[in-house]
Amino acid sequence: MVGCANIKTAQKLTILPENFRHDWELFRLELSPNENGVEKAQKGIGLCREFLLAVNSEIQAETNIWAQEFQQALIDIETSTKGTDPSE
């Protein structure tokens, strides 16, 4: 299960920058010297924000999965060692 989640996250983290680059190039093509720079800048910042939120969301989801698996592993170790005599 761990490997599958890692692969899915890696795929998403590969796709997200590709999508961002595409969106960014479309944004750049829309730029014209006659347009309001503030509105265009806000749109560009919005694209960056969406990208960063998506990347951070994927990283957080992967970290949460890892933390749950790690905590379960600790519980499993503790359970499996209960009742054993360390002096044996």
Protein backbone atom coordinates (compact mmCIF):
# COMPACT_ATOMS: atom_id res chain seq x y z
CA MET A 1 0.00 0.00 0.00
CA VAL A 2 2.84 2.38 0.81
CA GLY A 3 4.45 2.03 -2.60
CA CYS A 4 1.14 2.57 -4.40
CA ALA A 5 0.46 5.82 -2.54
CA ASN A 6 4.00 7.01 -3.22
CA ILE A 7 3.66 6.31 -6.93
CA LYS A 8 0.32 8.08 -7.16
CA THR A 9 1.70 11.11 -5.35
CA ALA A 10 4.80 11.15 -7.54
CA GLN A 11 2.60 11.06 -10.63
CA LYS A 12 0.47 13.93 -9.35
CA LEU A 13 3.57 15.93 -8.45
CA THR A 14 4.84 15.39 -11.99
CA ILE A 15 1.55 16.39 -13.61
CA LEU A 16 0.98 19.51 -11.51
CA PRO A 17 4.08 21.41 -12.75
CA GLU A 18 3.33 20.40 -16.32
CA ASN A 19 -0.20 21.78 -16.02
CA PHE A 20 1.13 24.93 -14.37
CA ARG A 21 3.66 25.50 -17.16
CA HIS A 22 0.89 25.14 -19.71
CA ASP A 23 -1.39 27.56 -17.84
CA TRP A 24 1.49 29.99 -17.36
CA GLU A 25 2.35 30.04 -21.05
CA LEU A 26 -1.31 30.67 -21.91
CA PHE A 27 -1.28 33.50 -19.39
CA ARG A 28 1.86 34.98 -20.94
CA LEU A 29 0.29 34.85 -24.41
CA GLU A 30 -2.65 36.87 -23.10
CA LEU A 31 -0.39 39.66 -21.88
CA SER A 32 -0.50 42.81 -23.89
CA PRO A 33 1.09 46.17 -23.16
CA ASN A 34 -2.27 47.94 -23.51
CA GLU A 35 -4.05 46.00 -20.77
CA ASN A 36 -4.33 46.81 -17.10
CA GLY A 37 -1.19 45.39 -15.52
CA VAL A 38 -2.76 45.00 -12.09
CA GLU A 39 -5.52 42.68 -13.31
CA LYS A 40 -3.03 40.56 -15.25
CA ALA A 41 -0.66 40.42 -12.30
CA GLN A 42 -3.52 39.27 -10.07
CA LYS A 43 -4.38 36.53 -12.55
CA GLY A 44 -0.75 35.40 -12.69
CA ILE A 45 -0.48 35.37 -8.91
CA GLY A 46 -3.71 33.39 -8.78
CA LEU A 47 -2.23 30.76 -11.11
CA CYS A 48 0.84 30.50 -8.89
CA ARG A 49 -1.30 30.25 -5.78
CA GLU A 50 -3.46 27.46 -7.25
CA PHE A 51 -0.35 25.54 -8.24
CA LEU A 52 1.26 25.86 -4.82
CA LEU A 53 -1.96 24.87 -3.06
CA ALA A 54 -2.27 21.78 -5.24
CA VAL A 55 1.34 20.73 -4.61
CA ASN A 56 1.07 21.36 -0.86
CA SER A 57 -2.20 19.43 -0.74
CA GLU A 58 -0.58 16.39 -2.36
CA ILE A 59 2.41 16.56 -0.02
CA GLN A 60 0.12 16.89 3.02
CA ALA A 61 -1.99 13.93 1.91
CA GLU A 62 1.12 11.78 1.41
CA THR A 63 2.50 12.87 4.79
CA ASN A 64 -0.79 11.99 6.50
CA ILE A 65 -0.74 8.51 4.95
CA TRP A 66 2.87 8.02 6.01
CA ALA A 67 2.15 9.20 9.57
CA GLN A 68 -0.81 6.81 9.91
CA GLU A 69 1.25 3.90 8.62
CA PHE A 70 4.14 4.81 10.93
CA GLN A 71 1.85 5.04 13.98
CA GLN A 72 0.28 1.69 13.09
CA ALA A 73 3.74 0.14 12.76
CA LEU A 74 4.63 1.40 16.24
CA ILE A 75 1.40 -0.07 17.64
CA ASP A 76 2.12 -3.37 15.89
CA ILE A 77 5.65 -3.49 17.33
CA GLU A 78 4.41 -2.69 20.82
CA THR A 79 1.67 -5.31 20.56
CA SER A 80 4.02 -7.98 19.26
CA THR A 81 6.56 -7.38 22.05
CA LYS A 82 4.07 -7.40 24.93
CA GLY A 83 4.43 -10.44 27.09
CA THR A 84 7.88 -11.31 25.89
CA ASP A 85 10.63 -11.53 28.45
CA PRO A 86 13.61 -9.42 27.27
CA SER A 87 15.98 -11.47 29.49
CA GLU A 88 15.39 -14.65 27.47
